[in-house]
C-alpha atoms as a PDB file:
ATOM      1  CA  MET A   1      -0.137   0.159   0.139  1.00  0.00           C
ATOM      2  CA  LYS A   2       1.324   3.351  -0.882  1.00  0.00           C
ATOM      3  CA  THR A   3       1.555   5.903   1.477  1.00  0.00           C
ATOM      4  CA  LYS A   4       0.390   9.499   1.169  1.00  0.00           C
ATOM      5  CA  THR A   5       3.077  12.177   0.615  1.00  0.00           C
ATOM      6  CA  SER A   6       1.551  14.292   3.908  1.00  0.00           C
ATOM      7  CA  THR A   7       2.014  11.150   5.841  1.00  0.00           C
ATOM      8  CA  ARG A   8       5.537  10.472   4.620  1.00  0.00           C
ATOM      9  CA  ASN A   9       6.443  14.022   5.118  1.00  0.00           C
ATOM     10  CA  GLN A  10       5.055  13.848   8.559  1.00  0.00           C
ATOM     11  CA  ALA A  11       6.616  10.749   9.881  1.00  0.00           C
ATOM     12  CA  ARG A  12      10.025  11.414   8.419  1.00  0.00           C
ATOM     13  CA  GLY A  13       9.499  15.138  10.096  1.00  0.00           C
ATOM     14  CA  THR A  14       9.316  13.503  13.470  1.00  0.00           C
ATOM     15  CA  ALA A  15      12.399  11.182  13.105  1.00  0.00           C
ATOM     16  CA  LYS A  16      14.209  14.327  12.165  1.00  0.00           C
ATOM     17  CA  VAL A  17      13.012  16.050  15.397  1.00  0.00           C
ATOM     18  CA  VAL A  18      13.919  13.066  17.655  1.00  0.00           C
ATOM     19  CA  LYS A  19      17.525  12.552  16.050  1.00  0.00           C
ATOM     20  CA  GLY A  20      18.218  16.321  16.258  1.00  0.00           C
ATOM     21  CA  ARG A  21      17.179  16.287  19.701  1.00  0.00           C
ATOM     22  CA  THR A  22      19.300  13.344  20.615  1.00  0.00           C
ATOM     23  CA  LYS A  23      22.231  14.837  18.803  1.00  0.00           C
ATOM     24  CA  ALA A  24      21.534  18.135  20.811  1.00  0.00           C
ATOM     25  CA  ILE A  25      21.246  16.392  24.247  1.00  0.00           C
ATOM     26  CA  ALA A  26      24.543  14.485  23.338  1.00  0.00           C
ATOM     27  CA  GLY A  27      26.416  17.634  22.176  1.00  0.00           C
ATOM     28  CA  ALA A  28      25.268  19.410  25.476  1.00  0.00           C
ATOM     29  CA  ALA A  29      26.463  16.542  27.529  1.00  0.00           C
ATOM     30  CA  THR A  30      29.650  16.216  26.029  1.00  0.00           C
ATOM     31  CA  ASN A  31      30.378  19.949  25.656  1.00  0.00           C
ATOM     32  CA  ASN A  32      30.638  19.757  21.998  1.00  0.00           C
ATOM     33  CA  ARG A  33      28.966  22.840  20.533  1.00  0.00           C
ATOM     34  CA  LEU A  34      29.082  21.781  17.034  1.00  0.00           C
ATOM     35  CA  LEU A  35      27.192  18.482  17.619  1.00  0.00           C
ATOM     36  CA  GLU A  36      24.624  20.286  19.659  1.00  0.00           C
ATOM     37  CA  ALA A  37      24.418  23.144  16.869  1.00  0.00           C
ATOM     38  CA  LYS A  38      23.845  20.305  14.250  1.00  0.00           C
ATOM     39  CA  GLY A  39      21.427  18.770  16.351  1.00  0.00           C
ATOM     40  CA  ARG A  40      19.198  21.981  16.882  1.00  0.00           C
ATOM     41  CA  ALA A  41      19.412  22.556  13.001  1.00  0.00           C
ATOM     42  CA  GLN A  42      18.240  19.063  12.437  1.00  0.00           C
ATOM     43  CA  GLU A  43      15.345  19.452  14.818  1.00  0.00           C
ATOM     44  CA  MET A  44      14.118  22.515  13.360  1.00  0.00           C
ATOM     45  CA  LEU A  45      14.346  20.873   9.988  1.00  0.00           C
ATOM     46  CA  GLY A  46      12.335  17.934  11.122  1.00  0.00           C
ATOM     47  CA  ARG A  47       9.611  20.421  12.713  1.00  0.00           C
ATOM     48  CA  LEU A  48       9.651  22.308   9.302  1.00  0.00           C
ATOM     49  CA  GLN A  49       9.056  18.753   7.444  1.00  0.00           C
ATOM     50  CA  LYS A  50       6.159  18.045   9.914  1.00  0.00           C
ATOM     51  CA  GLN A  51       4.441  21.524   9.252  1.00  0.00           C
ATOM     52  CA  VAL A  52       4.789  20.755   5.191  1.00  0.00           C
ATOM     53  CA  GLY A  53       2.798  17.243   5.989  1.00  0.00           C
ATOM     54  CA  ALA A  54       0.156  18.858   7.921  1.00  0.00           C
ATOM     55  CA  ARG A  55      -0.458  21.587   5.459  1.00  0.00           C
ATOM     56  CA  GLN A  56      -0.340  18.672   2.436  1.00  0.00           C
ATOM     57  CA  LYS A  57      -2.777  16.878   4.490  1.00  0.00           C
ATOM     58  CA  ALA A  58      -5.147  19.634   4.791  1.00  0.00           C
ATOM     59  CA  ARG A  59      -4.924  20.181   1.067  1.00  0.00           C
ATOM     60  CA  GLY A  60      -5.828  16.692   0.442  1.00  0.00           C
ATOM     61  CA  ASN A  61      -2.444  15.512  -0.707  1.00  0.00           C
END
């Protein structure tokens, strides 16, 4: 069964948020500012992708 683009974007966005948050926490724990910044950036991209999926769902895609 083929999944809708909106559902796929929301799921991938959630995965990016979790992965980014994990990186940010690991960076903070190890005092690695670069890893922490990369994690926060990935988390923001995940939130953006989730929003794209939500808007696609509202449009019916």
